[in-house]
Amino acid sequence: MLANRWVWLAAVLAAGLGACAGTRRVAGGGEAAAPVVAPVAPAPVVAAPVAPAPVVEPEPVPPPAVDSAALDAALRPALVDPGRAGDRRQQFARAVARISSQLGVPITVEQALREMPCGGWSGPDCTNLTVGIEIAKACAPVIASFHRKRTAEIATLLVDAVSVHAIWHDAYGYVRRVKKKGPGYTYAGCLFSKCEPDDLENGQVDGVLYQIGRLLGTLTGPACGPDCALTD
């Protein structure tokens, strides 16, 4: 059996050497096996990185132009209307009474009306009313563009928003100045003004925008402010 294995091994070696034989002769008359050179695989082709397509930013859409005179003509008569002015005065005084009562420093309706002749932006002689109209005119194109309406279409909304804001802005501010309590003129925040609650000029844009948001249904909260907890 052992002899058979050696015969088999010799046959395999002979076959292998014969298959790989070359033509070069060496001493002894035999032919030397040619070196076997393994084929060289080609280098992998690496694709060049593809640059991302440039991002094209859309051109900003400017807000629609506003005819300031036309908007003023639409806002001012409604805001200075005697009926509206008188109603705002009464609502202002009642708001003062509610705010001061909850804060524990009661002020009567009569005192508020007497000491604040322009409370609630009662008429054209009160500079607060002019400020309110100018703020509404400044906000109008932005609001109209956002809600895809013509500026003239939101004039009524602006009148209502300015009217409601006038009542609470003046009421909170008056209580703050007299009793040193409450959020003051910044009842709706102070993102667009200084956060000084005793200053009449502060909280104007924030208040008007808050009331507009309420009337449009994009904001939730009571007319007396986002943090208001007044009870009747």
C-alpha atoms as a PDB file:
ATOM      1  CA  MET A   1       0.000   0.000   0.000  1.00  0.00           C
ATOM      2  CA  LEU A   2       2.807   2.413   0.888  1.00  0.00           C
ATOM      3  CA  ALA A   3       4.477   1.768  -2.454  1.00  0.00           C
ATOM      4  CA  ASN A   4       1.262   2.580  -4.267  1.00  0.00           C
ATOM      5  CA  ARG A   5       1.027   5.953  -2.465  1.00  0.00           C
ATOM      6  CA  TRP A   6       4.535   6.925  -3.523  1.00  0.00           C
ATOM      7  CA  VAL A   7       3.756   5.960  -7.094  1.00  0.00           C
ATOM      8  CA  TRP A   8       0.643   8.142  -7.011  1.00  0.00           C
ATOM      9  CA  LEU A   9       2.554  11.090  -5.547  1.00  0.00           C
ATOM     10  CA  ALA A  10       5.320  10.772  -8.119  1.00  0.00           C
ATOM     11  CA  ALA A  11       2.771  10.740 -10.908  1.00  0.00           C
ATOM     12  CA  VAL A  12       1.105  13.916  -9.617  1.00  0.00           C
ATOM     13  CA  LEU A  13       4.427  15.738  -9.323  1.00  0.00           C
ATOM     14  CA  ALA A  14       5.472  14.636 -12.787  1.00  0.00           C
ATOM     15  CA  ALA A  15       2.214  15.785 -14.299  1.00  0.00           C
ATOM     16  CA  GLY A  16       2.470  19.148 -12.569  1.00  0.00           C
ATOM     17  CA  LEU A  17       6.035  19.765 -13.652  1.00  0.00           C
ATOM     18  CA  GLY A  18       5.218  18.753 -17.198  1.00  0.00           C
ATOM     19  CA  ALA A  19       2.291  21.091 -17.463  1.00  0.00           C
ATOM     20  CA  CYS A  20       4.329  24.073 -16.246  1.00  0.00           C
ATOM     21  CA  ALA A  21       7.507  23.243 -18.327  1.00  0.00           C
ATOM     22  CA  GLY A  22       9.185  25.990 -20.314  1.00  0.00           C
ATOM     23  CA  THR A  23      11.662  25.872 -23.196  1.00  0.00           C
ATOM     24  CA  ARG A  24      14.837  27.043 -21.386  1.00  0.00           C
ATOM     25  CA  ARG A  25      17.449  24.290 -21.078  1.00  0.00           C
ATOM     26  CA  VAL A  26      19.736  23.863 -18.080  1.00  0.00           C
ATOM     27  CA  ALA A  27      22.757  21.672 -17.341  1.00  0.00           C
ATOM     28  CA  GLY A  28      21.846  18.063 -17.601  1.00  0.00           C
ATOM     29  CA  GLY A  29      19.885  18.465 -20.816  1.00  0.00           C
ATOM     30  CA  GLY A  30      16.496  19.026 -19.237  1.00  0.00           C
ATOM     31  CA  GLU A  31      14.169  21.930 -19.710  1.00  0.00           C
ATOM     32  CA  ALA A  32      13.691  24.303 -16.742  1.00  0.00           C
ATOM     33  CA  ALA A  33      10.243  25.318 -15.783  1.00  0.00           C
ATOM     34  CA  ALA A  34       9.400  28.870 -16.770  1.00  0.00           C
ATOM     35  CA  PRO A  35       8.442  31.121 -13.862  1.00  0.00           C
ATOM     36  CA  VAL A  36       4.740  31.498 -13.472  1.00  0.00           C
ATOM     37  CA  VAL A  37       3.726  35.144 -13.489  1.00  0.00           C
ATOM     38  CA  ALA A  38       0.333  35.799 -12.031  1.00  0.00           C
ATOM     39  CA  PRO A  39      -1.752  38.258 -14.074  1.00  0.00           C
ATOM     40  CA  VAL A  40      -1.911  41.738 -12.560  1.00  0.00           C
ATOM     41  CA  ALA A  41      -5.433  42.937 -11.934  1.00  0.00           C
ATOM     42  CA  PRO A  42      -6.098  46.406 -13.323  1.00  0.00           C
ATOM     43  CA  ALA A  43      -6.367  49.180 -10.790  1.00  0.00           C
ATOM     44  CA  PRO A  44      -9.963  49.913  -9.855  1.00  0.00           C
ATOM     45  CA  VAL A  45     -11.434  52.896 -11.611  1.00  0.00           C
ATOM     46  CA  VAL A  46     -12.497  55.488  -9.070  1.00  0.00           C
ATOM     47  CA  ALA A  47     -15.212  57.754 -10.326  1.00  0.00           C
ATOM     48  CA  ALA A  48     -14.591  61.444  -9.824  1.00  0.00           C
ATOM     49  CA  PRO A  49     -16.814  62.960  -7.117  1.00  0.00           C
ATOM     50  CA  VAL A  50     -19.885  64.636  -8.511  1.00  0.00           C
ATOM     51  CA  ALA A  51     -20.358  68.144  -7.231  1.00  0.00           C
ATOM     52  CA  PRO A  52     -23.837  68.750  -5.796  1.00  0.00           C
ATOM     53  CA  ALA A  53     -26.124  70.881  -7.876  1.00  0.00           C
ATOM     54  CA  PRO A  54     -26.145  74.477  -6.702  1.00  0.00           C
ATOM     55  CA  VAL A  55     -29.103  75.447  -4.540  1.00  0.00           C
ATOM     56  CA  VAL A  56     -31.027  78.250  -6.137  1.00  0.00           C
ATOM     57  CA  GLU A  57     -32.690  80.384  -3.510  1.00  0.00           C
ATOM     58  CA  PRO A  58     -36.079  81.755  -4.546  1.00  0.00           C
ATOM     59  CA  GLU A  59     -36.283  85.460  -4.960  1.00  0.00           C
ATOM     60  CA  PRO A  60     -37.951  87.043  -1.923  1.00  0.00           C
ATOM     61  CA  VAL A  61     -41.430  88.253  -2.621  1.00  0.00           C
ATOM     62  CA  PRO A  62     -41.766  91.813  -1.410  1.00  0.00           C
ATOM     63  CA  PRO A  63     -44.940  92.742   0.440  1.00  0.00           C
ATOM     64  CA  PRO A  64     -47.495  94.513  -1.689  1.00  0.00           C
ATOM     65  CA  ALA A  65     -47.211  98.251  -1.941  1.00  0.00           C
ATOM     66  CA  VAL A  66     -49.481 100.170   0.366  1.00  0.00           C
ATOM     67  CA  ASP A  67     -51.355 103.289  -0.533  1.00  0.00           C
ATOM     68  CA  SER A  68     -50.732 104.979   2.804  1.00  0.00           C
ATOM     69  CA  ALA A  69     -53.208 107.760   2.182  1.00  0.00           C
ATOM     70  CA  ALA A  70     -55.960 105.339   1.185  1.00  0.00           C
ATOM     71  CA  LEU A  71     -55.340 103.125   4.200  1.00  0.00           C
ATOM     72  CA  ASP A  72     -55.293 106.120   6.503  1.00  0.00           C
ATOM     73  CA  ALA A  73     -58.600 107.234   5.008  1.00  0.00           C
ATOM     74  CA  ALA A  74     -60.053 103.791   5.704  1.00  0.00           C
ATOM     75  CA  LEU A  75     -58.774 103.540   9.271  1.00  0.00           C
ATOM     76  CA  ARG A  76     -59.066 107.013  10.730  1.00  0.00           C
ATOM     77  CA  PRO A  77     -62.817 107.687  10.275  1.00  0.00           C
ATOM     78  CA  ALA A  78     -63.726 104.377  11.885  1.00  0.00           C
ATOM     79  CA  LEU A  79     -61.396 104.913  14.817  1.00  0.00           C
ATOM     80  CA  VAL A  80     -62.431 108.514  15.498  1.00  0.00           C
ATOM     81  CA  ASP A  81     -66.124 107.836  15.022  1.00  0.00           C
ATOM     82  CA  PRO A  82     -67.826 109.289  18.142  1.00  0.00           C
ATOM     83  CA  GLY A  83     -69.790 106.118  18.747  1.00  0.00           C
ATOM     84  CA  ARG A  84     -66.724 103.913  18.595  1.00  0.00           C
ATOM     85  CA  ALA A  85     -64.652 106.350  20.647  1.00  0.00           C
ATOM     86  CA  GLY A  86     -67.274 106.539  23.392  1.00  0.00           C
ATOM     87  CA  ASP A  87     -67.570 102.765  23.535  1.00  0.00           C
ATOM     88  CA  ARG A  88     -63.788 102.366  23.811  1.00  0.00           C
ATOM     89  CA  ARG A  89     -63.719 104.878  26.651  1.00  0.00           C
ATOM     90  CA  GLN A  90     -66.233 102.879  28.636  1.00  0.00           C
ATOM     91  CA  GLN A  91     -64.497  99.583  27.918  1.00  0.00           C
ATOM     92  CA  PHE A  92     -61.190 101.129  28.965  1.00  0.00           C
ATOM     93  CA  ALA A  93     -62.608 102.277  32.301  1.00  0.00           C
ATOM     94  CA  ARG A  94     -64.180  98.880  32.982  1.00  0.00           C
ATOM     95  CA  ALA A  95     -60.897  97.173  32.111  1.00  0.00           C
ATOM     96  CA  VAL A  96     -59.079  99.401  34.607  1.00  0.00           C
ATOM     97  CA  ALA A  97     -61.577  98.457  37.315  1.00  0.00           C
ATOM     98  CA  ARG A  98     -61.157  94.715  36.576  1.00  0.00           C
ATOM     99  CA  ILE A  99     -57.361  94.807  36.416  1.00  0.00           C
ATOM    100  CA  SER A 100     -56.904  96.902  39.541  1.00  0.00           C
ATOM    101  CA  SER A 101     -59.424  94.856  41.509  1.00  0.00           C
ATOM    102  CA  GLN A 102     -57.676  91.580  40.727  1.00  0.00           C
ATOM    103  CA  LEU A 103     -54.333  93.108  41.678  1.00  0.00           C
ATOM    104  CA  GLY A 104     -55.776  94.198  45.012  1.00  0.00           C
ATOM    105  CA  VAL A 105     -55.501  97.941  44.313  1.00  0.00           C
ATOM    106  CA  PRO A 106     -59.027  98.950  43.186  1.00  0.00           C
ATOM    107  CA  ILE A 107     -59.558 101.921  40.904  1.00  0.00           C
ATOM    108  CA  THR A 108     -63.086 103.031  40.133  1.00  0.00           C
ATOM    109  CA  VAL A 109     -64.481 103.532  36.644  1.00  0.00           C
ATOM    110  CA  GLU A 110     -65.083 107.205  37.465  1.00  0.00           C
ATOM    111  CA  GLN A 111     -61.474 107.757  38.519  1.00  0.00           C
ATOM    112  CA  ALA A 112     -60.145 106.113  35.354  1.00  0.00           C
ATOM    113  CA  LEU A 113     -62.337 108.274  33.100  1.00  0.00           C
ATOM    114  CA  ARG A 114     -61.414 111.421  35.002  1.00  0.00           C
ATOM    115  CA  GLU A 115     -57.666 110.875  35.106  1.00  0.00           C
ATOM    116  CA  MET A 116     -57.249 109.384  31.631  1.00  0.00           C
ATOM    117  CA  PRO A 117     -59.046 111.595  29.111  1.00  0.00           C
ATOM    118  CA  CYS A 118     -57.390 109.733  26.247  1.00  0.00           C
ATOM    119  CA  GLY A 119     -57.800 106.250  27.700  1.00  0.00           C
ATOM    120  CA  GLY A 120     -58.868 103.902  24.948  1.00  0.00           C
ATOM    121  CA  TRP A 121     -57.658 106.296  22.242  1.00  0.00           C
ATOM    122  CA  SER A 122     -60.816 108.335  22.315  1.00  0.00           C
ATOM    123  CA  GLY A 123     -60.305 110.760  19.463  1.00  0.00           C
ATOM    124  CA  PRO A 124     -58.081 112.694  17.065  1.00  0.00           C
ATOM    125  CA  ASP A 125     -56.711 114.987  19.767  1.00  0.00           C
ATOM    126  CA  CYS A 126     -55.124 112.021  21.537  1.00  0.00           C
ATOM    127  CA  THR A 127     -51.695 111.239  20.143  1.00  0.00           C
ATOM    128  CA  ASN A 128     -52.152 107.584  21.075  1.00  0.00           C
ATOM    129  CA  LEU A 129     -54.718 107.246  18.324  1.00  0.00           C
ATOM    130  CA  THR A 130     -52.273 108.525  15.710  1.00  0.00           C
ATOM    131  CA  VAL A 131     -49.662 106.094  16.973  1.00  0.00           C
ATOM    132  CA  GLY A 132     -52.145 103.250  16.671  1.00  0.00           C
ATOM    133  CA  ILE A 133     -53.046 104.153  13.104  1.00  0.00           C
ATOM    134  CA  GLU A 134     -49.394 104.382  12.089  1.00  0.00           C
ATOM    135  CA  ILE A 135     -48.665 100.982  13.634  1.00  0.00           C
ATOM    136  CA  ALA A 136     -51.639  99.452  11.836  1.00  0.00           C
ATOM    137  CA  LYS A 137     -50.475 100.921   8.525  1.00  0.00           C
ATOM    138  CA  ALA A 138     -46.976  99.530   9.068  1.00  0.00           C
ATOM    139  CA  CYS A 139     -48.310  96.061   9.867  1.00  0.00           C
ATOM    140  CA  ALA A 140     -50.884  96.015   7.079  1.00  0.00           C
ATOM    141  CA  PRO A 141     -48.707  94.928   4.116  1.00  0.00           C
ATOM    142  CA  VAL A 142     -47.055  92.125   6.088  1.00  0.00           C
ATOM    143  CA  ILE A 143     -50.371  90.794   7.320  1.00  0.00           C
ATOM    144  CA  ALA A 144     -52.009  91.100   3.910  1.00  0.00           C
ATOM    145  CA  SER A 145     -49.115  89.285   2.222  1.00  0.00           C
ATOM    146  CA  PHE A 146     -49.073  86.485   4.793  1.00  0.00           C
ATOM    147  CA  HIS A 147     -52.790  85.871   4.428  1.00  0.00           C
ATOM    148  CA  ARG A 148     -52.807  86.493   0.665  1.00  0.00           C
ATOM    149  CA  LYS A 149     -55.238  89.344   0.839  1.00  0.00           C
ATOM    150  CA  ARG A 150     -55.228  92.838  -0.504  1.00  0.00           C
ATOM    151  CA  THR A 151     -54.381  95.446   2.107  1.00  0.00           C
ATOM    152  CA  ALA A 152     -57.762  97.085   1.669  1.00  0.00           C
ATOM    153  CA  GLU A 153     -59.457  93.790   2.559  1.00  0.00           C
ATOM    154  CA  ILE A 154     -58.018  93.778   6.057  1.00  0.00           C
ATOM    155  CA  ALA A 155     -58.777  97.422   6.884  1.00  0.00           C
ATOM    156  CA  THR A 156     -61.807  96.423   8.968  1.00  0.00           C
ATOM    157  CA  LEU A 157     -59.762  93.818  10.779  1.00  0.00           C
ATOM    158  CA  LEU A 158     -57.096  96.417  11.561  1.00  0.00           C
ATOM    159  CA  VAL A 159     -59.686  98.814  12.946  1.00  0.00           C
ATOM    160  CA  ASP A 160     -60.988  96.140  15.308  1.00  0.00           C
ATOM    161  CA  ALA A 161     -57.491  95.064  16.348  1.00  0.00           C
ATOM    162  CA  VAL A 162     -56.356  98.631  17.046  1.00  0.00           C
ATOM    163  CA  SER A 163     -59.538  99.347  18.999  1.00  0.00           C
ATOM    164  CA  VAL A 164     -59.182  96.298  21.256  1.00  0.00           C
ATOM    165  CA  HIS A 165     -55.470  96.920  21.739  1.00  0.00           C
ATOM    166  CA  ALA A 166     -56.134 100.559  22.666  1.00  0.00           C
ATOM    167  CA  ILE A 167     -58.442  99.531  25.488  1.00  0.00           C
ATOM    168  CA  TRP A 168     -56.078  97.068  27.136  1.00  0.00           C
ATOM    169  CA  HIS A 169     -52.818  98.864  26.416  1.00  0.00           C
ATOM    170  CA  ASP A 170     -54.106 102.020  28.076  1.00  0.00           C
ATOM    171  CA  ALA A 171     -55.824 100.193  30.931  1.00  0.00           C
ATOM    172  CA  TYR A 172     -52.812  98.111  31.888  1.00  0.00           C
ATOM    173  CA  GLY A 173     -50.481 101.080  31.462  1.00  0.00           C
ATOM    174  CA  TYR A 174     -52.627 103.344  33.621  1.00  0.00           C
ATOM    175  CA  VAL A 175     -52.833 100.801  36.458  1.00  0.00           C
ATOM    176  CA  ARG A 176     -49.097 100.266  36.264  1.00  0.00           C
ATOM    177  CA  ARG A 177     -48.311 103.976  36.466  1.00  0.00           C
ATOM    178  CA  VAL A 178     -50.743 104.660  39.311  1.00  0.00           C
ATOM    179  CA  LYS A 179     -50.375 101.507  41.414  1.00  0.00           C
ATOM    180  CA  LYS A 180     -46.992 100.098  40.235  1.00  0.00           C
ATOM    181  CA  LYS A 181     -48.552  96.695  39.605  1.00  0.00           C
ATOM    182  CA  GLY A 182     -49.416  94.552  36.622  1.00  0.00           C
ATOM    183  CA  PRO A 183     -47.733  94.031  33.235  1.00  0.00           C
ATOM    184  CA  GLY A 184     -48.249  97.634  32.172  1.00  0.00           C
ATOM    185  CA  TYR A 185     -48.060  98.730  28.565  1.00  0.00           C
ATOM    186  CA  THR A 186     -46.254  95.518  27.600  1.00  0.00           C
ATOM    187  CA  TYR A 187     -49.306  93.365  28.409  1.00  0.00           C
ATOM    188  CA  ALA A 188     -48.814  91.405  25.146  1.00  0.00           C
ATOM    189  CA  GLY A 189     -45.027  91.178  25.345  1.00  0.00           C
ATOM    190  CA  CYS A 190     -42.111  93.309  24.250  1.00  0.00           C
ATOM    191  CA  LEU A 191     -40.537  91.517  21.313  1.00  0.00           C
ATOM    192  CA  PHE A 192     -40.762  94.667  19.179  1.00  0.00           C
ATOM    193  CA  SER A 193     -40.069  97.260  21.844  1.00  0.00           C
ATOM    194  CA  LYS A 194     -38.198  97.863  25.057  1.00  0.00           C
ATOM    195  CA  CYS A 195     -39.432  95.801  27.975  1.00  0.00           C
ATOM    196  CA  GLU A 196     -40.221  98.816  30.126  1.00  0.00           C
ATOM    197  CA  PRO A 197     -43.870  98.455  31.213  1.00  0.00           C
ATOM    198  CA  ASP A 198     -44.218 102.048  32.407  1.00  0.00           C
ATOM    199  CA  ASP A 199     -43.458 103.618  29.017  1.00  0.00           C
ATOM    200  CA  LEU A 200     -46.451 104.407  26.818  1.00  0.00           C
ATOM    201  CA  GLU A 201     -44.460 103.804  23.626  1.00  0.00           C
ATOM    202  CA  ASN A 202     -43.639 100.205  24.520  1.00  0.00           C
ATOM    203  CA  GLY A 203     -45.760  97.188  23.725  1.00  0.00           C
ATOM    204  CA  GLN A 204     -47.577  98.870  20.856  1.00  0.00           C
ATOM    205  CA  VAL A 205     -46.632  96.644  17.929  1.00  0.00           C
ATOM    206  CA  ASP A 206     -46.747  93.519  20.081  1.00  0.00           C
ATOM    207  CA  GLY A 207     -50.251  94.370  21.248  1.00  0.00           C
ATOM    208  CA  VAL A 208     -51.619  95.174  17.799  1.00  0.00           C
ATOM    209  CA  LEU A 209     -50.117  92.015  16.302  1.00  0.00           C
ATOM    210  CA  TYR A 210     -51.499  89.932  19.163  1.00  0.00           C
ATOM    211  CA  GLN A 211     -55.009  91.285  18.627  1.00  0.00           C
ATOM    212  CA  ILE A 212     -54.733  90.784  14.860  1.00  0.00           C
ATOM    213  CA  GLY A 213     -53.673  87.180  15.433  1.00  0.00           C
ATOM    214  CA  ARG A 214     -56.656  86.625  17.696  1.00  0.00           C
ATOM    215  CA  LEU A 215     -59.096  88.055  15.188  1.00  0.00           C
ATOM    216  CA  LEU A 216     -57.586  86.001  12.356  1.00  0.00           C
ATOM    217  CA  GLY A 217     -57.701  82.859  14.453  1.00  0.00           C
ATOM    218  CA  THR A 218     -53.950  82.233  14.267  1.00  0.00           C
ATOM    219  CA  LEU A 219     -53.499  82.932  17.983  1.00  0.00           C
ATOM    220  CA  THR A 220     -55.548  81.792  20.913  1.00  0.00           C
ATOM    221  CA  GLY A 221     -56.024  83.786  24.058  1.00  0.00           C
ATOM    222  CA  PRO A 222     -58.295  86.390  25.626  1.00  0.00           C
ATOM    223  CA  ALA A 223     -58.484  89.991  24.501  1.00  0.00           C
ATOM    224  CA  CYS A 224     -56.849  91.095  27.752  1.00  0.00           C
ATOM    225  CA  GLY A 225     -53.540  89.474  26.767  1.00  0.00           C
ATOM    226  CA  PRO A 226     -51.827  86.117  26.320  1.00  0.00           C
ATOM    227  CA  ASP A 227     -51.101  85.765  30.049  1.00  0.00           C
ATOM    228  CA  CYS A 228     -54.340  87.322  31.245  1.00  0.00           C
ATOM    229  CA  ALA A 229     -56.323  85.541  33.935  1.00  0.00           C
ATOM    230  CA  LEU A 230     -58.973  88.176  34.598  1.00  0.00           C
ATOM    231  CA  THR A 231     -62.356  87.002  35.767  1.00  0.00           C
ATOM    232  CA  ASP A 232     -65.579  88.939  35.642  1.00  0.00           C
END
